[in-house]
Amino acid sequence: MTRVPDFISLNGPDNAGKTIHLARLAGRWDGLQPLGSVHEHDPEPWARVAAGDYARWWFETSTTVELTEMLLAGHAKRAAARESGRTGLLDRGLPMLLAVAAATCVVKDGLTVSEASKAVTGVAGSRAVPPETSVLLFPSLDAERSYAITSAREGRPWTGIYPAYQKSLHAVLLHQAEHGSYNAVVDCENRSLDDVQADVIAHLDLSQPTGGSPR
């Protein structure tokens, strides 16, 4: 690429491999700056809601507007932490944050995936957001199969409303992918970590970084 992006995000459902692939990317090049998750950069509101019944707040008492605004506020503060001249690595970028809010809206308000996605997009509006190159890692391009893979990786059963939320999240992510929300979609099914990482690097054209030093 002629110019490296200001931000690169890896996105996907729980247990899709985001953390390990972010760590591998960060180890390739000094110009990549891991910035982590949104709650790390805006801890106070998240600590406040987590002090009580976090699951009840998330899935019952919070509004779609409140949850979406908290995610966006953390996203903005995380972006502000990027050092000049470096590319920020995001654990879940803007499309994924909107997917999380939309999936929550599906299970909480009984909306369809399309309706919930429109509602969340309406909350986000046209406010200025830092541009990012976003890659979606998907365990399988079949939503039911993808859920089965990621739930098995959890090592213990998901309970309560969480299975419904995760299934909705898989559906929202596929809906986003079909509508071009991501720069690239990587099908990870039956592929090694090395093969997936090579795919990610190819989509990002980071084999020969143009800033910083490769490791």
Protein backbone atom coordinates (compact mmCIF):
# COMPACT_ATOMS: atom_id res chain seq x y z
CA MET A 1 0.00 0.00 0.00
CA THR A 2 1.19 3.53 -0.65
CA ARG A 3 0.21 4.69 2.81
CA VAL A 4 -0.40 2.63 5.90
CA PRO A 5 -3.76 3.26 7.58
CA ASP A 6 -4.08 5.18 10.83
CA PHE A 7 -6.03 2.27 12.31
CA ILE A 8 -6.42 -1.45 11.66
CA SER A 9 -9.17 -3.38 13.42
CA LEU A 10 -9.70 -7.10 13.81
CA ASN A 11 -13.31 -8.02 14.36
CA GLY A 12 -15.36 -11.15 14.92
CA PRO A 13 -17.50 -13.01 17.45
CA ASP A 14 -16.18 -14.26 20.79
CA ASN A 15 -13.46 -16.92 20.36
CA ALA A 16 -12.83 -16.05 16.71
CA GLY A 17 -9.09 -15.57 17.30
CA LYS A 18 -8.91 -11.76 17.39
CA THR A 19 -6.53 -11.56 20.36
CA ILE A 20 -3.93 -13.98 19.04
CA HIS A 21 -3.93 -12.45 15.56
CA LEU A 22 -3.63 -8.93 16.97
CA ALA A 23 -0.63 -10.08 19.02
CA ARG A 24 0.93 -11.67 15.95
CA LEU A 25 0.44 -8.50 13.92
CA ALA A 26 1.92 -6.35 16.67
CA GLY A 27 4.97 -8.60 16.73
CA ARG A 28 5.64 -8.09 13.02
CA TRP A 29 6.28 -4.37 12.92
CA ASP A 30 7.30 -1.61 15.32
CA GLY A 31 4.94 0.82 13.57
CA LEU A 32 1.86 -1.03 14.84
CA GLN A 33 0.57 0.22 18.20
CA PRO A 34 -1.80 -2.12 20.09
CA LEU A 35 -4.65 -0.04 21.52
CA GLY A 36 -6.81 -2.81 22.93
CA SER A 37 -10.50 -2.54 23.71
CA VAL A 38 -12.72 0.51 24.21
CA HIS A 39 -13.35 -0.06 27.91
CA GLU A 40 -9.61 0.22 28.63
CA HIS A 41 -9.64 3.84 27.45
CA ASP A 42 -12.88 4.92 29.13
CA PRO A 43 -12.97 2.78 32.30
CA GLU A 44 -15.14 4.92 34.59
CA PRO A 45 -18.59 4.35 33.01
CA TRP A 46 -17.87 0.66 32.46
CA ALA A 47 -16.72 0.21 36.06
CA ARG A 48 -19.88 1.96 37.24
CA VAL A 49 -22.28 -0.32 35.38
CA ALA A 50 -20.23 -3.42 36.20
CA ALA A 51 -20.45 -2.64 39.93
CA GLY A 52 -24.02 -3.91 40.00
CA ASP A 53 -25.65 -6.65 37.95
CA TYR A 54 -23.69 -6.15 34.75
CA ALA A 55 -25.64 -8.65 32.64
CA ARG A 56 -28.96 -7.17 33.76
CA TRP A 57 -27.79 -3.66 32.90
CA TRP A 58 -26.48 -4.76 29.50
CA PHE A 59 -29.44 -6.86 28.41
CA GLU A 60 -32.35 -5.34 30.34
CA THR A 61 -32.05 -1.86 31.81
CA SER A 62 -29.70 -0.02 29.44
CA THR A 63 -31.18 1.58 26.35
CA THR A 64 -29.81 1.08 22.85
CA VAL A 65 -28.85 4.76 22.82
CA GLU A 66 -27.00 4.50 26.15
CA LEU A 67 -25.05 1.36 25.20
CA THR A 68 -24.17 2.63 21.74
CA GLU A 69 -23.04 6.01 23.07
CA MET A 70 -20.79 4.35 25.67
CA LEU A 71 -19.17 2.20 23.02
CA LEU A 72 -18.64 5.18 20.72
CA ALA A 73 -17.20 7.33 23.52
CA GLY A 74 -14.64 4.64 24.34
CA HIS A 75 -13.84 4.26 20.65
CA ALA A 76 -13.10 7.98 20.33
CA LYS A 77 -10.85 8.00 23.41
CA ARG A 78 -9.02 4.92 22.17
CA ALA A 79 -8.39 6.58 18.81
CA ALA A 80 -6.99 9.64 20.58
CA ALA A 81 -4.36 7.42 22.23
CA ARG A 82 -2.69 6.60 18.90
CA GLU A 83 0.84 7.94 18.67
CA SER A 84 1.72 10.09 15.67
CA GLY A 85 3.24 8.09 12.85
CA ARG A 86 2.02 4.73 14.09
CA THR A 87 -0.90 2.54 13.07
CA GLY A 88 -3.32 1.79 15.90
CA LEU A 89 -4.35 -1.86 16.28
CA LEU A 90 -7.95 -2.10 17.49
CA ASP A 91 -9.51 -5.06 19.26
CA ARG A 92 -12.97 -4.64 17.69
CA GLY A 93 -13.30 -1.57 15.51
CA LEU A 94 -16.30 0.63 14.82
CA PRO A 95 -18.27 -1.90 12.70
CA MET A 96 -17.89 -4.51 15.43
CA LEU A 97 -18.96 -2.09 18.17
CA LEU A 98 -22.09 -1.30 16.18
CA ALA A 99 -22.65 -5.04 15.71
CA VAL A 100 -22.44 -5.61 19.47
CA ALA A 101 -25.02 -2.88 20.08
CA ALA A 102 -27.27 -4.21 17.32
CA ALA A 103 -27.13 -7.81 18.57
CA THR A 104 -28.01 -6.59 22.06
CA CYS A 105 -30.92 -4.65 20.58
CA VAL A 106 -32.15 -7.81 18.82
CA VAL A 107 -32.39 -9.85 22.02
CA LYS A 108 -33.50 -6.98 24.26
CA ASP A 109 -36.06 -5.27 22.06
CA GLY A 110 -37.15 -8.14 19.84
CA LEU A 111 -36.14 -6.42 16.60
CA THR A 112 -34.93 -8.13 13.45
CA VAL A 113 -31.26 -7.96 12.56
CA SER A 114 -32.01 -5.38 9.88
CA GLU A 115 -34.19 -3.26 12.19
CA ALA A 116 -31.65 -3.34 15.02
CA SER A 117 -28.78 -2.46 12.67
CA LYS A 118 -30.70 0.54 11.37
CA ALA A 119 -31.53 1.66 14.91
CA VAL A 120 -27.90 1.54 16.02
CA THR A 121 -26.67 3.23 12.85
CA GLY A 122 -29.20 5.98 13.52
CA VAL A 123 -27.75 6.52 17.00
CA ALA A 124 -24.20 6.65 15.62
CA GLY A 125 -25.27 9.12 12.96
CA SER A 126 -22.70 10.92 10.84
CA ARG A 127 -20.39 11.99 13.66
CA ALA A 128 -16.73 12.12 12.77
CA VAL A 129 -15.00 8.81 13.43
CA PRO A 130 -11.39 7.90 12.67
CA PRO A 131 -11.11 5.86 9.44
CA GLU A 132 -9.92 2.30 9.86
CA THR A 133 -9.09 -0.72 7.77
CA SER A 134 -11.34 -3.41 9.21
CA VAL A 135 -10.97 -7.17 8.88
CA LEU A 136 -13.69 -9.58 9.97
CA LEU A 137 -12.51 -12.99 11.19
CA PHE A 138 -15.33 -15.50 10.94
CA PRO A 139 -15.08 -19.09 12.23
CA SER A 140 -17.50 -20.18 9.48
CA LEU A 141 -19.54 -18.29 6.90
CA ASP A 142 -22.54 -20.34 8.04
CA ALA A 143 -23.98 -18.58 11.10
CA GLU A 144 -25.14 -21.73 12.89
CA ARG A 145 -21.85 -23.52 12.24
CA SER A 146 -19.91 -20.44 13.35
CA TYR A 147 -21.86 -20.28 16.63
CA ALA A 148 -21.24 -24.00 17.24
CA ILE A 149 -17.48 -23.55 16.74
CA THR A 150 -17.15 -20.51 19.01
CA SER A 151 -19.39 -21.88 21.77
CA ALA A 152 -17.35 -25.10 21.85
CA ARG A 153 -14.16 -23.05 22.24
CA GLU A 154 -15.56 -21.34 25.33
CA GLY A 155 -14.90 -24.50 27.38
CA ARG A 156 -18.09 -24.11 29.41
CA PRO A 157 -21.73 -23.63 28.43
CA TRP A 158 -23.04 -20.14 27.79
CA THR A 159 -26.11 -19.60 29.94
CA GLY A 160 -29.06 -17.26 30.33
CA ILE A 161 -29.56 -14.80 27.51
CA TYR A 162 -25.97 -15.09 26.30
CA PRO A 163 -26.53 -17.90 23.74
CA ALA A 164 -29.31 -15.87 22.09
CA TYR A 165 -27.06 -12.81 22.08
CA GLN A 166 -24.16 -14.71 20.51
CA LYS A 167 -26.40 -16.19 17.81
CA SER A 168 -27.74 -12.71 17.08
CA LEU A 169 -24.19 -11.35 16.96
CA HIS A 170 -23.18 -13.92 14.35
CA ALA A 171 -26.23 -12.98 12.28
CA VAL A 172 -25.51 -9.24 12.58
CA LEU A 173 -21.86 -9.71 11.57
CA LEU A 174 -22.85 -11.67 8.47
CA HIS A 175 -25.44 -9.00 7.67
CA GLN A 176 -22.73 -6.35 7.93
CA ALA A 177 -20.36 -8.39 5.76
CA GLU A 178 -23.03 -8.72 3.08
CA HIS A 179 -23.47 -4.94 3.12
CA GLY A 180 -19.77 -4.14 2.81
CA SER A 181 -19.07 -2.95 6.36
CA TYR A 182 -15.62 -4.58 6.38
CA ASN A 183 -12.64 -4.09 4.11
CA ALA A 184 -12.02 -7.84 4.16
CA VAL A 185 -13.72 -10.99 5.47
CA VAL A 186 -11.56 -14.00 6.34
CA ASP A 187 -13.22 -17.42 6.51
CA CYS A 188 -11.28 -19.24 9.23
CA GLU A 189 -13.03 -22.61 9.10
CA ASN A 190 -10.66 -25.60 8.98
CA ARG A 191 -7.64 -23.34 8.57
CA SER A 192 -4.49 -23.06 10.68
CA LEU A 193 -3.56 -19.92 12.60
CA ASP A 194 -0.64 -19.42 10.20
CA ASP A 195 -2.92 -19.60 7.17
CA VAL A 196 -5.41 -17.15 8.68
CA GLN A 197 -2.61 -14.76 9.67
CA ALA A 198 -1.20 -14.91 6.14
CA ASP A 199 -4.66 -14.03 4.81
CA VAL A 200 -4.96 -11.08 7.17
CA ILE A 201 -1.52 -9.78 6.19
CA ALA A 202 -2.34 -10.17 2.51
CA HIS A 203 -5.58 -8.19 2.89
CA LEU A 204 -3.71 -5.46 4.77
CA ASP A 205 -0.71 -5.53 2.41
CA LEU A 206 1.62 -5.47 5.42
CA SER A 207 4.20 -7.87 4.05
CA GLN A 208 6.47 -4.86 3.44
CA PRO A 209 5.44 -2.08 5.83
CA THR A 210 6.17 1.47 4.65
CA GLY A 211 6.70 2.95 8.12
CA GLY A 212 8.53 1.73 11.20
CA SER A 213 10.63 -1.40 11.11
CA PRO A 214 9.56 -5.01 10.52
CA ARG A 215 10.56 -7.43 13.25
